[in-house]
Amino acid sequence: MGQTPPAGASSAAEPGVVAVEPAAARKRTPETSADACRPDRVSLRGGWGRTRFIVELADSDASRAQGLMNRTRMERTHGMLFVYPRPQRAAFWMRNTLIPLDMIFADAQGVVTRVHSNANPLDETVIDGGRGVQYVLEINGGLARRYGIAPGTQLRHPAIGPEPAWPCR
């Protein structure tokens, strides 16, 4: 906590968790315009359907460094969205993170470029998200596979811009 990760890694506690209720994806609950783009929600869509998570934002150096460290649980429909000011190389680790997470890396348009499934709690091995990453969504481990979230999936959130693949309306 508060320590700098190894070279090439982001802040020590960047792993976060977001959960999605599988029934929500199957039901494909229609979103009202009020639901479509709220700061505390992120929506995802792909060939598998749609789902959304209630998220905490990690959009400052301090909040990105804290991430989801030291949490013993996270609701299935919750997660954390890491927002960087510009695209960059992203690397995470699980120091002080007590729950398994899926890490969903996305570019400046909110398009998923890489998914790391079931990151192990407390593991300090660097998880490479690749280059050109501006957003990272952390959800409970195993949910990305359950939903079919994969490269090409689109994220929608008010922080994604200026030319998001799936714009807020």
N, C-alpha and C. Protein backbone atom coordinates (compact mmCIF):
# COMPACT_ATOMS: atom_id res chain seq x y z
N MET A 1 0.85 -1.17 0.00
CA MET A 1 0.00 0.00 0.00
C MET A 1 0.88 1.22 0.00
N GLY A 2 0.69 2.10 -0.99
CA GLY A 2 1.48 3.30 -1.07
C GLY A 2 2.85 3.10 -1.67
N GLN A 3 3.21 1.86 -1.99
CA GLN A 3 4.51 1.60 -2.60
C GLN A 3 4.37 1.63 -4.11
N THR A 4 5.44 1.94 -4.77
CA THR A 4 5.45 1.96 -6.21
C THR A 4 5.62 0.54 -6.74
N PRO A 5 4.81 0.15 -7.74
CA PRO A 5 4.94 -1.18 -8.30
C PRO A 5 6.22 -1.30 -9.12
N PRO A 6 6.56 -2.51 -9.51
CA PRO A 6 7.76 -2.71 -10.31
C PRO A 6 7.69 -1.90 -11.61
N ALA A 7 8.83 -1.71 -12.24
CA ALA A 7 8.88 -0.98 -13.50
C ALA A 7 7.87 -1.56 -14.46
N GLY A 8 7.12 -0.68 -15.12
CA GLY A 8 6.13 -1.12 -16.08
C GLY A 8 4.78 -1.42 -15.47
N ALA A 9 4.65 -1.31 -14.16
CA ALA A 9 3.38 -1.59 -13.51
C ALA A 9 2.77 -0.28 -13.03
N SER A 10 1.45 -0.27 -12.93
CA SER A 10 0.76 0.90 -12.41
C SER A 10 0.79 0.85 -10.90
N SER A 11 0.06 1.75 -10.29
CA SER A 11 0.05 1.86 -8.84
C SER A 11 -0.28 0.53 -8.18
N ALA A 12 0.20 0.37 -6.98
CA ALA A 12 0.15 -0.91 -6.27
C ALA A 12 -1.23 -1.51 -6.16
N ALA A 13 -2.24 -0.73 -5.96
CA ALA A 13 -3.54 -1.32 -5.68
C ALA A 13 -4.54 -1.06 -6.76
N GLU A 14 -4.19 -1.20 -7.98
CA GLU A 14 -5.13 -0.88 -9.02
C GLU A 14 -6.17 -1.96 -9.30
N PRO A 15 -6.00 -3.16 -8.81
CA PRO A 15 -7.02 -4.14 -9.10
C PRO A 15 -8.35 -3.76 -8.46
N GLY A 16 -9.43 -3.87 -9.17
CA GLY A 16 -10.72 -3.53 -8.65
C GLY A 16 -11.71 -4.60 -9.06
N VAL A 17 -12.91 -4.51 -8.51
CA VAL A 17 -13.87 -5.54 -8.82
C VAL A 17 -15.18 -4.93 -9.25
N VAL A 18 -15.76 -5.49 -10.25
CA VAL A 18 -17.07 -5.08 -10.72
C VAL A 18 -17.87 -6.33 -10.94
N ALA A 19 -19.09 -6.31 -10.55
CA ALA A 19 -19.89 -7.51 -10.76
C ALA A 19 -21.10 -7.19 -11.60
N VAL A 20 -21.57 -8.17 -12.32
CA VAL A 20 -22.74 -8.01 -13.15
C VAL A 20 -23.65 -9.19 -12.90
N GLU A 21 -24.91 -8.93 -12.82
CA GLU A 21 -25.87 -10.00 -12.60
C GLU A 21 -26.17 -10.68 -13.92
N PRO A 22 -25.86 -11.97 -14.07
CA PRO A 22 -26.08 -12.65 -15.33
C PRO A 22 -27.51 -12.52 -15.84
N ALA A 23 -28.49 -12.54 -14.96
CA ALA A 23 -29.87 -12.41 -15.39
C ALA A 23 -30.09 -11.09 -16.11
N ALA A 24 -29.40 -10.05 -15.68
CA ALA A 24 -29.55 -8.75 -16.33
C ALA A 24 -29.11 -8.83 -17.78
N ALA A 25 -28.06 -9.56 -18.04
CA ALA A 25 -27.58 -9.69 -19.42
C ALA A 25 -28.57 -10.50 -20.24
N ARG A 26 -29.10 -11.56 -19.67
CA ARG A 26 -30.04 -12.40 -20.42
C ARG A 26 -31.34 -11.66 -20.69
N LYS A 27 -31.81 -10.90 -19.72
CA LYS A 27 -33.06 -10.17 -19.89
C LYS A 27 -32.88 -8.98 -20.82
N ARG A 28 -31.65 -8.52 -20.96
CA ARG A 28 -31.35 -7.34 -21.78
C ARG A 28 -32.28 -6.20 -21.40
N THR A 29 -32.25 -5.87 -20.15
CA THR A 29 -33.08 -4.82 -19.61
C THR A 29 -32.88 -3.54 -20.40
N PRO A 30 -33.97 -2.93 -20.90
CA PRO A 30 -33.80 -1.69 -21.65
C PRO A 30 -33.29 -0.58 -20.74
N GLU A 31 -32.42 0.23 -21.28
CA GLU A 31 -31.89 1.35 -20.52
C GLU A 31 -32.66 2.60 -20.89
N THR A 32 -33.07 3.34 -19.89
CA THR A 32 -33.65 4.64 -20.18
C THR A 32 -32.51 5.60 -20.42
N SER A 33 -32.78 6.75 -20.98
CA SER A 33 -31.70 7.72 -21.22
C SER A 33 -31.06 8.14 -19.90
N ALA A 34 -31.83 8.12 -18.82
CA ALA A 34 -31.27 8.47 -17.51
C ALA A 34 -30.28 7.41 -17.04
N ASP A 35 -30.53 6.14 -17.39
CA ASP A 35 -29.63 5.06 -16.99
C ASP A 35 -28.42 4.95 -17.91
N ALA A 36 -28.58 5.35 -19.15
CA ALA A 36 -27.57 5.08 -20.17
C ALA A 36 -26.20 5.63 -19.83
N CYS A 37 -26.12 6.79 -19.27
CA CYS A 37 -24.81 7.38 -18.97
C CYS A 37 -24.84 8.11 -17.65
N ARG A 38 -24.57 7.37 -16.61
CA ARG A 38 -24.46 7.94 -15.28
C ARG A 38 -23.04 7.70 -14.80
N PRO A 39 -22.49 8.62 -14.02
CA PRO A 39 -21.12 8.46 -13.53
C PRO A 39 -20.90 7.19 -12.71
N ASP A 40 -21.97 6.66 -12.11
CA ASP A 40 -21.82 5.47 -11.27
C ASP A 40 -22.22 4.18 -11.99
N ARG A 41 -22.34 4.21 -13.31
CA ARG A 41 -22.70 3.02 -14.09
C ARG A 41 -21.78 2.91 -15.31
N VAL A 42 -21.43 1.68 -15.66
CA VAL A 42 -20.76 1.43 -16.93
C VAL A 42 -21.55 0.32 -17.61
N SER A 43 -21.84 0.53 -18.88
CA SER A 43 -22.56 -0.46 -19.68
C SER A 43 -21.57 -1.12 -20.62
N LEU A 44 -21.81 -2.38 -20.94
CA LEU A 44 -20.98 -3.12 -21.90
C LEU A 44 -21.90 -3.78 -22.91
N ARG A 45 -21.44 -3.84 -24.17
CA ARG A 45 -22.21 -4.55 -25.19
C ARG A 45 -21.26 -5.26 -26.14
N GLY A 46 -21.75 -6.37 -26.63
CA GLY A 46 -20.99 -7.17 -27.58
C GLY A 46 -21.93 -8.15 -28.25
N GLY A 47 -21.38 -9.07 -29.02
CA GLY A 47 -22.19 -10.07 -29.69
C GLY A 47 -22.95 -10.95 -28.71
N TRP A 48 -22.54 -10.97 -27.47
CA TRP A 48 -23.14 -11.77 -26.40
C TRP A 48 -24.35 -11.08 -25.78
N GLY A 49 -24.54 -9.77 -26.02
CA GLY A 49 -25.64 -9.02 -25.41
C GLY A 49 -25.12 -7.79 -24.70
N ARG A 50 -25.83 -7.37 -23.67
CA ARG A 50 -25.47 -6.18 -22.90
C ARG A 50 -25.57 -6.46 -21.41
N THR A 51 -24.79 -5.71 -20.66
CA THR A 51 -24.91 -5.73 -19.20
C THR A 51 -24.38 -4.41 -18.67
N ARG A 52 -24.58 -4.17 -17.40
CA ARG A 52 -24.03 -2.96 -16.79
C ARG A 52 -23.65 -3.24 -15.35
N PHE A 53 -22.74 -2.41 -14.86
CA PHE A 53 -22.22 -2.53 -13.50
C PHE A 53 -22.34 -1.19 -12.81
N ILE A 54 -22.53 -1.23 -11.52
CA ILE A 54 -22.44 -0.05 -10.67
C ILE A 54 -20.96 0.09 -10.34
N VAL A 55 -20.38 1.25 -10.64
CA VAL A 55 -18.93 1.39 -10.48
C VAL A 55 -18.55 2.56 -9.59
N GLU A 56 -17.41 2.37 -8.97
CA GLU A 56 -16.70 3.47 -8.33
C GLU A 56 -15.69 3.93 -9.36
N LEU A 57 -15.47 5.23 -9.43
CA LEU A 57 -14.47 5.77 -10.36
C LEU A 57 -13.13 5.90 -9.66
N ALA A 58 -12.10 5.52 -10.37
CA ALA A 58 -10.72 5.74 -9.93
C ALA A 58 -10.12 6.64 -11.00
N ASP A 59 -10.25 7.94 -10.80
CA ASP A 59 -9.84 8.89 -11.84
C ASP A 59 -8.80 9.90 -11.37
N SER A 60 -8.20 9.63 -10.23
CA SER A 60 -7.09 10.45 -9.73
C SER A 60 -5.94 9.51 -9.39
N ASP A 61 -4.74 10.07 -9.27
CA ASP A 61 -3.60 9.23 -8.90
C ASP A 61 -3.87 8.49 -7.59
N ALA A 62 -4.43 9.20 -6.61
CA ALA A 62 -4.68 8.58 -5.30
C ALA A 62 -5.72 7.46 -5.39
N SER A 63 -6.82 7.70 -6.11
CA SER A 63 -7.86 6.66 -6.19
C SER A 63 -7.40 5.48 -7.03
N ARG A 64 -6.60 5.73 -8.06
CA ARG A 64 -6.05 4.61 -8.85
C ARG A 64 -5.05 3.81 -8.02
N ALA A 65 -4.27 4.47 -7.18
CA ALA A 65 -3.31 3.76 -6.33
C ALA A 65 -4.02 2.89 -5.29
N GLN A 66 -5.13 3.37 -4.75
CA GLN A 66 -5.89 2.62 -3.74
C GLN A 66 -6.66 1.47 -4.38
N GLY A 67 -7.29 1.74 -5.51
CA GLY A 67 -8.04 0.69 -6.19
C GLY A 67 -8.97 -0.05 -5.26
N LEU A 68 -8.99 -1.36 -5.37
CA LEU A 68 -9.86 -2.20 -4.55
C LEU A 68 -9.10 -2.93 -3.45
N MET A 69 -7.99 -2.35 -3.03
CA MET A 69 -7.18 -2.97 -1.98
C MET A 69 -7.98 -3.15 -0.69
N ASN A 70 -7.64 -4.22 -0.01
CA ASN A 70 -8.12 -4.51 1.35
C ASN A 70 -9.62 -4.72 1.47
N ARG A 71 -10.30 -4.95 0.39
CA ARG A 71 -11.73 -5.25 0.46
C ARG A 71 -11.91 -6.76 0.52
N THR A 72 -12.78 -7.18 1.39
CA THR A 72 -12.98 -8.62 1.55
C THR A 72 -14.09 -9.16 0.66
N ARG A 73 -14.89 -8.27 0.07
CA ARG A 73 -15.96 -8.71 -0.82
C ARG A 73 -16.42 -7.54 -1.68
N MET A 74 -17.10 -7.89 -2.76
CA MET A 74 -17.70 -6.88 -3.62
C MET A 74 -19.00 -7.48 -4.17
N GLU A 75 -20.03 -6.68 -4.21
CA GLU A 75 -21.31 -7.13 -4.75
C GLU A 75 -21.13 -7.56 -6.21
N ARG A 76 -21.94 -8.52 -6.64
CA ARG A 76 -21.83 -9.03 -8.02
C ARG A 76 -22.03 -7.94 -9.06
N THR A 77 -22.87 -7.00 -8.79
CA THR A 77 -23.19 -5.97 -9.79
C THR A 77 -22.32 -4.73 -9.66
N HIS A 78 -21.24 -4.82 -8.91
CA HIS A 78 -20.38 -3.66 -8.67
C HIS A 78 -19.00 -3.88 -9.26
N GLY A 79 -18.26 -2.77 -9.41
CA GLY A 79 -16.90 -2.83 -9.89
C GLY A 79 -16.21 -1.49 -9.74
N MET A 80 -15.08 -1.36 -10.40
CA MET A 80 -14.32 -0.11 -10.38
C MET A 80 -13.85 0.19 -11.79
N LEU A 81 -14.05 1.46 -12.20
CA LEU A 81 -13.59 1.91 -13.51
C LEU A 81 -12.41 2.86 -13.31
N PHE A 82 -11.25 2.44 -13.81
CA PHE A 82 -10.05 3.26 -13.77
C PHE A 82 -10.04 4.12 -15.02
N VAL A 83 -9.89 5.43 -14.83
CA VAL A 83 -9.89 6.38 -15.94
C VAL A 83 -8.56 7.10 -15.93
N TYR A 84 -7.85 7.02 -17.05
CA TYR A 84 -6.57 7.72 -17.20
C TYR A 84 -6.77 8.93 -18.10
N PRO A 85 -5.97 9.99 -17.90
CA PRO A 85 -6.16 11.20 -18.69
C PRO A 85 -5.87 11.02 -20.18
N ARG A 86 -5.06 10.01 -20.52
CA ARG A 86 -4.73 9.77 -21.93
C ARG A 86 -4.35 8.30 -22.08
N PRO A 87 -4.40 7.79 -23.31
CA PRO A 87 -3.99 6.39 -23.52
C PRO A 87 -2.54 6.17 -23.10
N GLN A 88 -2.27 5.01 -22.54
CA GLN A 88 -0.93 4.70 -22.04
C GLN A 88 -0.77 3.19 -21.92
N ARG A 89 0.43 2.77 -21.62
CA ARG A 89 0.67 1.36 -21.30
C ARG A 89 0.10 1.13 -19.89
N ALA A 90 -0.63 0.06 -19.72
CA ALA A 90 -1.24 -0.23 -18.42
C ALA A 90 -0.72 -1.56 -17.89
N ALA A 91 -0.34 -1.55 -16.64
CA ALA A 91 0.09 -2.77 -15.97
C ALA A 91 -0.42 -2.72 -14.53
N PHE A 92 -0.98 -3.79 -14.08
CA PHE A 92 -1.57 -3.88 -12.75
C PHE A 92 -0.95 -5.03 -11.99
N TRP A 93 -1.19 -5.04 -10.69
CA TRP A 93 -0.85 -6.18 -9.85
C TRP A 93 -1.89 -6.26 -8.75
N MET A 94 -1.84 -7.31 -7.96
CA MET A 94 -2.88 -7.57 -6.97
C MET A 94 -2.41 -7.38 -5.53
N ARG A 95 -1.36 -6.62 -5.33
CA ARG A 95 -0.88 -6.38 -3.97
C ARG A 95 -2.02 -5.84 -3.11
N ASN A 96 -2.20 -6.44 -1.95
CA ASN A 96 -3.21 -6.04 -0.97
C ASN A 96 -4.65 -6.13 -1.49
N THR A 97 -4.84 -6.83 -2.58
CA THR A 97 -6.18 -7.04 -3.12
C THR A 97 -6.61 -8.45 -2.72
N LEU A 98 -7.71 -8.53 -2.00
CA LEU A 98 -8.09 -9.77 -1.33
C LEU A 98 -9.10 -10.62 -2.08
N ILE A 99 -9.63 -10.12 -3.19
CA ILE A 99 -10.64 -10.86 -3.94
C ILE A 99 -10.18 -11.05 -5.39
N PRO A 100 -10.53 -12.17 -6.03
CA PRO A 100 -10.13 -12.37 -7.43
C PRO A 100 -10.88 -11.40 -8.34
N LEU A 101 -10.18 -10.91 -9.34
CA LEU A 101 -10.75 -9.91 -10.23
C LEU A 101 -10.53 -10.27 -11.69
N ASP A 102 -11.46 -9.81 -12.53
CA ASP A 102 -11.24 -9.76 -13.97
C ASP A 102 -10.89 -8.32 -14.29
N MET A 103 -9.88 -8.13 -15.12
CA MET A 103 -9.45 -6.79 -15.54
C MET A 103 -9.73 -6.65 -17.02
N ILE A 104 -10.52 -5.64 -17.35
CA ILE A 104 -10.95 -5.42 -18.73
C ILE A 104 -10.32 -4.11 -19.19
N PHE A 105 -9.38 -4.20 -20.12
CA PHE A 105 -8.61 -3.06 -20.60
C PHE A 105 -9.25 -2.53 -21.88
N ALA A 106 -9.42 -1.19 -21.96
CA ALA A 106 -10.08 -0.59 -23.12
C ALA A 106 -9.30 0.63 -23.60
N ASP A 107 -9.46 0.92 -24.88
CA ASP A 107 -8.76 2.05 -25.51
C ASP A 107 -9.53 3.36 -25.31
N ALA A 108 -9.08 4.42 -25.96
CA ALA A 108 -9.66 5.75 -25.79
C ALA A 108 -11.12 5.83 -26.24
N GLN A 109 -11.54 4.92 -27.11
CA GLN A 109 -12.93 4.90 -27.58
C GLN A 109 -13.81 3.97 -26.74
N GLY A 110 -13.21 3.33 -25.74
CA GLY A 110 -13.98 2.43 -24.89
C GLY A 110 -14.13 1.03 -25.46
N VAL A 111 -13.27 0.67 -26.40
CA VAL A 111 -13.31 -0.67 -27.00
C VAL A 111 -12.32 -1.56 -26.25
N VAL A 112 -12.79 -2.71 -25.81
CA VAL A 112 -11.94 -3.64 -25.06
C VAL A 112 -10.83 -4.17 -25.96
N THR A 113 -9.61 -4.09 -25.45
CA THR A 113 -8.44 -4.57 -26.19
C THR A 113 -7.86 -5.83 -25.58
N ARG A 114 -8.12 -6.05 -24.29
CA ARG A 114 -7.55 -7.21 -23.61
C ARG A 114 -8.37 -7.48 -22.34
N VAL A 115 -8.48 -8.76 -21.99
CA VAL A 115 -9.15 -9.17 -20.75
C VAL A 115 -8.21 -10.11 -20.00
N HIS A 116 -8.00 -9.82 -18.73
CA HIS A 116 -7.25 -10.73 -17.87
C HIS A 116 -8.25 -11.30 -16.87
N SER A 117 -8.44 -12.60 -16.91
CA SER A 117 -9.45 -13.25 -16.07
C SER A 117 -8.86 -13.79 -14.78
N ASN A 118 -9.63 -13.66 -13.73
CA ASN A 118 -9.32 -14.27 -12.43
C ASN A 118 -7.92 -13.98 -11.91
N ALA A 119 -7.58 -12.71 -11.82
CA ALA A 119 -6.31 -12.34 -11.20
C ALA A 119 -6.32 -12.83 -9.76
N ASN A 120 -5.23 -13.45 -9.35
CA ASN A 120 -5.14 -14.06 -8.02
C ASN A 120 -4.94 -13.02 -6.92
N PRO A 121 -5.73 -13.11 -5.85
CA PRO A 121 -5.54 -12.19 -4.73
C PRO A 121 -4.10 -12.22 -4.22
N LEU A 122 -3.61 -11.04 -3.88
CA LEU A 122 -2.30 -10.82 -3.26
C LEU A 122 -1.10 -11.14 -4.17
N ASP A 123 -1.33 -11.51 -5.40
CA ASP A 123 -0.25 -11.86 -6.33
C ASP A 123 0.40 -10.57 -6.85
N GLU A 124 1.70 -10.49 -6.73
CA GLU A 124 2.42 -9.29 -7.18
C GLU A 124 3.01 -9.44 -8.58
N THR A 125 2.61 -10.49 -9.29
CA THR A 125 3.02 -10.64 -10.68
C THR A 125 2.37 -9.53 -11.50
N VAL A 126 3.14 -8.88 -12.35
CA VAL A 126 2.61 -7.78 -13.16
C VAL A 126 1.67 -8.34 -14.23
N ILE A 127 0.50 -7.72 -14.35
CA ILE A 127 -0.49 -8.07 -15.36
C ILE A 127 -0.44 -6.99 -16.43
N ASP A 128 -0.01 -7.35 -17.61
CA ASP A 128 0.18 -6.40 -18.70
C ASP A 128 -1.14 -6.18 -19.44
N GLY A 129 -1.60 -4.94 -19.43
CA GLY A 129 -2.82 -4.59 -20.14
C GLY A 129 -2.57 -4.12 -21.56
N GLY A 130 -1.30 -3.91 -21.89
CA GLY A 130 -0.95 -3.48 -23.23
C GLY A 130 -0.82 -1.98 -23.35
N ARG A 131 -0.58 -1.55 -24.57
CA ARG A 131 -0.43 -0.12 -24.87
C ARG A 131 -1.76 0.49 -25.30
N GLY A 132 -1.86 1.81 -25.22
CA GLY A 132 -3.05 2.50 -25.69
C GLY A 132 -4.27 2.33 -24.81
N VAL A 133 -4.07 1.98 -23.54
CA VAL A 133 -5.17 1.76 -22.60
C VAL A 133 -5.52 3.08 -21.91
N GLN A 134 -6.81 3.42 -21.91
CA GLN A 134 -7.25 4.61 -21.19
C GLN A 134 -8.26 4.28 -20.10
N TYR A 135 -8.88 3.10 -20.19
CA TYR A 135 -9.89 2.70 -19.21
C TYR A 135 -9.64 1.24 -18.82
N VAL A 136 -9.82 0.96 -17.54
CA VAL A 136 -9.73 -0.42 -17.05
C VAL A 136 -10.92 -0.64 -16.14
N LEU A 137 -11.69 -1.66 -16.45
CA LEU A 137 -12.84 -2.02 -15.63
C LEU A 137 -12.48 -3.28 -14.86
N GLU A 138 -12.59 -3.21 -13.56
CA GLU A 138 -12.35 -4.39 -12.72
C GLU A 138 -13.68 -4.89 -12.18
N ILE A 139 -13.91 -6.18 -12.39
CA ILE A 139 -15.13 -6.82 -11.93
C ILE A 139 -14.75 -8.11 -11.19
N ASN A 140 -15.71 -8.70 -10.54
CA ASN A 140 -15.46 -9.96 -9.83
C ASN A 140 -14.92 -11.01 -10.79
N GLY A 141 -13.94 -11.77 -10.30
CA GLY A 141 -13.31 -12.80 -11.11
C GLY A 141 -14.31 -13.80 -11.66
N GLY A 142 -14.19 -14.10 -12.95
CA GLY A 142 -15.04 -15.08 -13.62
C GLY A 142 -16.20 -14.49 -14.38
N LEU A 143 -16.55 -13.24 -14.12
CA LEU A 143 -17.71 -12.65 -14.78
C LEU A 143 -17.45 -12.34 -16.25
N ALA A 144 -16.25 -11.94 -16.60
CA ALA A 144 -15.96 -11.64 -18.01
C ALA A 144 -16.22 -12.87 -18.87
N ARG A 145 -15.73 -14.00 -18.44
CA ARG A 145 -15.95 -15.25 -19.19
C ARG A 145 -17.43 -15.61 -19.20
N ARG A 146 -18.10 -15.47 -18.07
CA ARG A 146 -19.52 -15.81 -17.98
C ARG A 146 -20.34 -15.00 -18.98
N TYR A 147 -20.01 -13.72 -19.13
CA TYR A 147 -20.76 -12.86 -20.04
C TYR A 147 -20.26 -12.92 -21.47
N GLY A 148 -19.06 -13.37 -21.67
CA GLY A 148 -18.49 -13.36 -23.02
C GLY A 148 -17.76 -12.07 -23.34
N ILE A 149 -17.43 -11.28 -22.31
CA ILE A 149 -16.69 -10.03 -22.51
C ILE A 149 -15.32 -10.37 -23.05
N ALA A 150 -14.98 -9.78 -24.20
CA ALA A 150 -13.75 -10.11 -24.90
C ALA A 150 -13.30 -8.90 -25.71
N PRO A 151 -12.10 -8.94 -26.28
CA PRO A 151 -11.69 -7.83 -27.16
C PRO A 151 -12.78 -7.55 -28.20
N GLY A 152 -13.04 -6.26 -28.38
CA GLY A 152 -14.10 -5.83 -29.29
C GLY A 152 -15.36 -5.39 -28.56
N THR A 153 -15.57 -5.87 -27.33
CA THR A 153 -16.70 -5.42 -26.52
C THR A 153 -16.57 -3.91 -26.32
N GLN A 154 -17.71 -3.21 -26.30
CA GLN A 154 -17.70 -1.76 -26.13
C GLN A 154 -18.20 -1.38 -24.74
N LEU A 155 -17.54 -0.37 -24.16
CA LEU A 155 -17.95 0.19 -22.88
C LEU A 155 -18.63 1.53 -23.13
N ARG A 156 -19.61 1.85 -22.29
CA ARG A 156 -20.25 3.17 -22.35
C ARG A 156 -20.25 3.77 -20.95
N HIS A 157 -19.73 5.00 -20.87
CA HIS A 157 -19.66 5.74 -19.60
C HIS A 157 -19.41 7.19 -19.96
N PRO A 158 -19.89 8.15 -19.16
CA PRO A 158 -19.68 9.57 -19.48
C PRO A 158 -18.21 9.98 -19.57
N ALA A 159 -17.31 9.26 -18.92
CA ALA A 159 -15.88 9.62 -18.97
C ALA A 159 -15.22 9.23 -20.28
N ILE A 160 -15.86 8.36 -21.06
CA ILE A 160 -15.25 7.89 -22.30
C ILE A 160 -15.52 8.90 -23.41
N GLY A 161 -14.47 9.40 -23.99
CA GLY A 161 -14.63 10.39 -25.04
C GLY A 161 -13.29 10.83 -25.53
N PRO A 162 -13.22 11.74 -26.48
CA PRO A 162 -14.33 12.51 -27.04
C PRO A 162 -15.08 11.79 -28.16
N GLU A 163 -14.58 10.68 -28.66
CA GLU A 163 -15.24 9.95 -29.74
C GLU A 163 -15.46 8.50 -29.34
N PRO A 164 -16.38 8.25 -28.42
CA PRO A 164 -16.59 6.88 -27.96
C PRO A 164 -17.21 5.99 -29.03
N ALA A 165 -16.88 4.72 -29.00
CA ALA A 165 -17.48 3.75 -29.92
C ALA A 165 -18.97 3.61 -29.65
N TRP A 166 -19.36 3.76 -28.38
CA TRP A 166 -20.77 3.65 -27.98
C TRP A 166 -21.09 4.91 -27.17
N PRO A 167 -21.54 5.97 -27.85
CA PRO A 167 -21.73 7.25 -27.16
C PRO A 167 -22.92 7.28 -26.22
N CYS A 168 -22.81 8.15 -25.23
CA CYS A 168 -23.94 8.46 -24.35
C CYS A 168 -24.93 9.30 -25.15
N ARG A 169 -26.18 9.08 -24.88
CA ARG A 169 -27.20 9.89 -25.56
C ARG A 169 -28.18 10.41 -24.56
